[in-house]
């Protein structure tokens, strides 16, 4: 779990704060509708609940995996 936390922090925390916060909300068990409201309030960006789901399932894991692959190769 520590390695996963470190991978998430390295990949998202500074470069993609919106994605990082979305991940935190998902881990906390919030619904996509709640996440949509919170992200709009914090980042002044409104995404559809479908887009939030796609980020969670596709984009965020891809960013983390690619970052870890790059770190491994370095």
N, C-alpha and C. Protein backbone atom coordinates (compact mmCIF):
# COMPACT_ATOMS: atom_id res chain seq x y z
N UNK A 1 0.82 -1.20 0.00
CA UNK A 1 0.00 0.00 0.00
C UNK A 1 0.87 1.26 0.00
N UNK A 2 1.98 1.19 0.69
CA UNK A 2 2.87 2.36 0.72
C UNK A 2 3.41 2.65 -0.67
N UNK A 3 3.76 1.60 -1.41
CA UNK A 3 4.26 1.80 -2.77
C UNK A 3 3.18 2.40 -3.66
N UNK A 4 1.95 1.96 -3.51
CA UNK A 4 0.85 2.52 -4.29
C UNK A 4 0.63 3.99 -3.93
N UNK A 5 0.65 4.30 -2.65
CA UNK A 5 0.51 5.70 -2.22
C UNK A 5 1.61 6.57 -2.83
N UNK A 6 2.84 6.06 -2.80
CA UNK A 6 3.96 6.81 -3.37
C UNK A 6 3.80 6.98 -4.88
N UNK A 7 3.32 5.95 -5.56
CA UNK A 7 3.12 6.03 -7.01
C UNK A 7 2.04 7.05 -7.35
N UNK A 8 0.96 7.06 -6.60
CA UNK A 8 -0.13 8.01 -6.82
C UNK A 8 0.36 9.43 -6.57
N UNK A 9 1.05 9.63 -5.47
CA UNK A 9 1.57 10.97 -5.17
C UNK A 9 2.52 11.46 -6.25
N UNK A 10 3.43 10.59 -6.69
CA UNK A 10 4.42 10.98 -7.70
C UNK A 10 3.77 11.30 -9.04
N UNK A 11 2.73 10.57 -9.39
CA UNK A 11 2.11 10.74 -10.70
C UNK A 11 1.09 11.87 -10.74
N UNK A 12 0.36 12.07 -9.67
CA UNK A 12 -0.81 12.96 -9.74
C UNK A 12 -0.75 14.22 -8.88
N UNK A 13 -0.18 14.11 -7.71
CA UNK A 13 -0.35 15.18 -6.72
C UNK A 13 0.04 16.56 -7.23
N UNK A 14 1.20 16.70 -7.83
CA UNK A 14 1.65 18.01 -8.29
C UNK A 14 1.23 18.33 -9.73
N UNK A 15 1.27 17.33 -10.59
CA UNK A 15 0.99 17.54 -12.01
C UNK A 15 -0.50 17.61 -12.33
N UNK A 16 -1.29 16.80 -11.64
CA UNK A 16 -2.73 16.69 -11.92
C UNK A 16 -3.53 16.78 -10.62
N UNK A 17 -3.57 17.94 -9.99
CA UNK A 17 -4.28 18.04 -8.70
C UNK A 17 -5.77 17.69 -8.78
N UNK A 18 -6.41 17.99 -9.90
CA UNK A 18 -7.83 17.65 -10.05
C UNK A 18 -8.00 16.13 -10.04
N UNK A 19 -7.17 15.42 -10.78
CA UNK A 19 -7.25 13.96 -10.82
C UNK A 19 -6.92 13.37 -9.45
N UNK A 20 -5.95 13.96 -8.78
CA UNK A 20 -5.58 13.49 -7.45
C UNK A 20 -6.76 13.63 -6.49
N UNK A 21 -7.41 14.77 -6.52
CA UNK A 21 -8.55 14.98 -5.62
C UNK A 21 -9.70 14.05 -5.98
N UNK A 22 -9.92 13.82 -7.27
CA UNK A 22 -10.96 12.89 -7.71
C UNK A 22 -10.68 11.50 -7.14
N UNK A 23 -9.43 11.08 -7.21
CA UNK A 23 -9.05 9.77 -6.68
C UNK A 23 -9.31 9.69 -5.17
N UNK A 24 -8.98 10.74 -4.46
CA UNK A 24 -9.22 10.77 -3.01
C UNK A 24 -10.71 10.66 -2.72
N UNK A 25 -11.52 11.39 -3.47
CA UNK A 25 -12.97 11.32 -3.26
C UNK A 25 -13.50 9.92 -3.55
N UNK A 26 -13.01 9.28 -4.60
CA UNK A 26 -13.46 7.92 -4.93
C UNK A 26 -13.07 6.94 -3.84
N UNK A 27 -11.86 7.07 -3.34
CA UNK A 27 -11.41 6.19 -2.26
C UNK A 27 -12.28 6.39 -1.02
N UNK A 28 -12.70 7.62 -0.78
CA UNK A 28 -13.57 7.93 0.36
C UNK A 28 -14.99 7.42 0.16
N UNK A 29 -15.31 6.92 -1.05
CA UNK A 29 -16.62 6.35 -1.30
C UNK A 29 -17.69 7.33 -1.73
N UNK A 30 -17.28 8.48 -2.20
CA UNK A 30 -18.27 9.48 -2.62
C UNK A 30 -18.84 9.12 -4.00
N UNK A 31 -20.06 9.53 -4.24
CA UNK A 31 -20.71 9.27 -5.53
C UNK A 31 -20.16 10.24 -6.58
N UNK A 32 -20.37 9.89 -7.84
CA UNK A 32 -19.90 10.77 -8.91
C UNK A 32 -20.59 12.13 -8.86
N UNK A 33 -21.84 12.16 -8.45
CA UNK A 33 -22.56 13.44 -8.35
C UNK A 33 -21.93 14.32 -7.26
N UNK A 34 -21.58 13.73 -6.13
CA UNK A 34 -20.90 14.48 -5.07
C UNK A 34 -19.53 14.98 -5.54
N UNK A 35 -18.82 14.10 -6.22
CA UNK A 35 -17.50 14.46 -6.74
C UNK A 35 -17.62 15.61 -7.72
N UNK A 36 -18.63 15.54 -8.59
CA UNK A 36 -18.85 16.60 -9.58
C UNK A 36 -19.04 17.95 -8.88
N UNK A 37 -19.85 17.98 -7.84
CA UNK A 37 -20.09 19.21 -7.10
C UNK A 37 -18.82 19.72 -6.42
N UNK A 38 -18.10 18.81 -5.78
CA UNK A 38 -16.88 19.21 -5.07
C UNK A 38 -15.81 19.73 -6.02
N UNK A 39 -15.63 19.07 -7.16
CA UNK A 39 -14.63 19.51 -8.12
C UNK A 39 -15.00 20.88 -8.70
N UNK A 40 -16.29 21.08 -8.93
CA UNK A 40 -16.72 22.38 -9.44
C UNK A 40 -16.45 23.48 -8.42
N UNK A 41 -16.70 23.18 -7.17
CA UNK A 41 -16.47 24.15 -6.11
C UNK A 41 -14.97 24.45 -5.93
N UNK A 42 -14.14 23.40 -5.96
CA UNK A 42 -12.71 23.57 -5.70
C UNK A 42 -11.92 24.06 -6.90
N UNK A 43 -12.24 23.55 -8.09
CA UNK A 43 -11.44 23.83 -9.28
C UNK A 43 -12.17 24.68 -10.33
N UNK A 44 -13.44 24.97 -10.08
CA UNK A 44 -14.26 25.76 -11.01
C UNK A 44 -14.33 25.10 -12.39
N UNK A 45 -14.38 23.78 -12.37
CA UNK A 45 -14.50 22.99 -13.60
C UNK A 45 -15.63 22.00 -13.39
N UNK A 46 -16.53 21.92 -14.36
CA UNK A 46 -17.65 20.99 -14.24
C UNK A 46 -17.52 19.92 -15.32
N UNK A 47 -17.39 18.69 -14.87
CA UNK A 47 -17.35 17.54 -15.77
C UNK A 47 -18.62 16.72 -15.53
N UNK A 48 -19.06 16.02 -16.56
CA UNK A 48 -20.22 15.15 -16.40
C UNK A 48 -19.84 13.97 -15.51
N UNK A 49 -20.85 13.34 -14.93
CA UNK A 49 -20.58 12.18 -14.09
C UNK A 49 -19.99 11.03 -14.92
N UNK A 50 -20.36 10.97 -16.19
CA UNK A 50 -19.81 9.94 -17.07
C UNK A 50 -18.31 10.18 -17.30
N UNK A 51 -17.94 11.45 -17.47
CA UNK A 51 -16.54 11.78 -17.67
C UNK A 51 -15.73 11.48 -16.41
N UNK A 52 -16.29 11.77 -15.26
CA UNK A 52 -15.62 11.46 -14.00
C UNK A 52 -15.39 9.96 -13.89
N UNK A 53 -16.38 9.18 -14.27
CA UNK A 53 -16.24 7.73 -14.24
C UNK A 53 -15.15 7.27 -15.21
N UNK A 54 -15.09 7.86 -16.39
CA UNK A 54 -14.06 7.50 -17.37
C UNK A 54 -12.67 7.87 -16.87
N UNK A 55 -12.55 9.01 -16.21
CA UNK A 55 -11.26 9.38 -15.63
C UNK A 55 -10.82 8.35 -14.60
N UNK A 56 -11.74 7.95 -13.76
CA UNK A 56 -11.45 7.00 -12.68
C UNK A 56 -11.04 5.64 -13.24
N UNK A 57 -11.73 5.19 -14.28
CA UNK A 57 -11.47 3.85 -14.82
C UNK A 57 -10.32 3.80 -15.82
N UNK A 58 -10.10 4.88 -16.57
CA UNK A 58 -9.14 4.83 -17.67
C UNK A 58 -7.95 5.77 -17.51
N UNK A 59 -8.22 7.04 -17.42
CA UNK A 59 -7.16 8.06 -17.48
C UNK A 59 -6.23 8.01 -16.27
N UNK A 60 -6.78 7.99 -15.08
CA UNK A 60 -5.96 8.02 -13.86
C UNK A 60 -5.06 6.78 -13.76
N UNK A 61 -5.57 5.57 -13.94
CA UNK A 61 -4.68 4.41 -13.89
C UNK A 61 -3.58 4.45 -14.96
N UNK A 62 -3.92 4.96 -16.14
CA UNK A 62 -2.95 5.06 -17.22
C UNK A 62 -1.82 6.03 -16.84
N UNK A 63 -2.16 7.17 -16.28
CA UNK A 63 -1.16 8.14 -15.88
C UNK A 63 -0.23 7.54 -14.82
N UNK A 64 -0.80 6.86 -13.84
CA UNK A 64 0.00 6.27 -12.77
C UNK A 64 0.92 5.19 -13.34
N UNK A 65 0.38 4.32 -14.18
CA UNK A 65 1.18 3.24 -14.76
C UNK A 65 2.31 3.78 -15.63
N UNK A 66 2.02 4.77 -16.46
CA UNK A 66 3.05 5.33 -17.32
C UNK A 66 4.14 6.02 -16.51
N UNK A 67 3.75 6.70 -15.46
CA UNK A 67 4.73 7.37 -14.60
C UNK A 67 5.63 6.35 -13.91
N UNK A 68 5.04 5.28 -13.43
CA UNK A 68 5.84 4.24 -12.76
C UNK A 68 6.77 3.54 -13.74
N UNK A 69 6.30 3.32 -14.96
CA UNK A 69 7.15 2.71 -15.98
C UNK A 69 8.35 3.61 -16.27
N UNK A 70 8.09 4.90 -16.39
CA UNK A 70 9.17 5.87 -16.63
C UNK A 70 10.15 5.87 -15.47
N UNK A 71 9.64 5.89 -14.23
CA UNK A 71 10.52 5.88 -13.06
C UNK A 71 11.34 4.60 -12.99
N UNK A 72 10.74 3.49 -13.36
CA UNK A 72 11.45 2.22 -13.34
C UNK A 72 12.59 2.22 -14.35
N UNK A 73 12.33 2.74 -15.54
CA UNK A 73 13.34 2.76 -16.58
C UNK A 73 14.49 3.72 -16.28
N UNK A 74 14.18 4.77 -15.53
CA UNK A 74 15.23 5.71 -15.15
C UNK A 74 16.09 5.12 -14.07
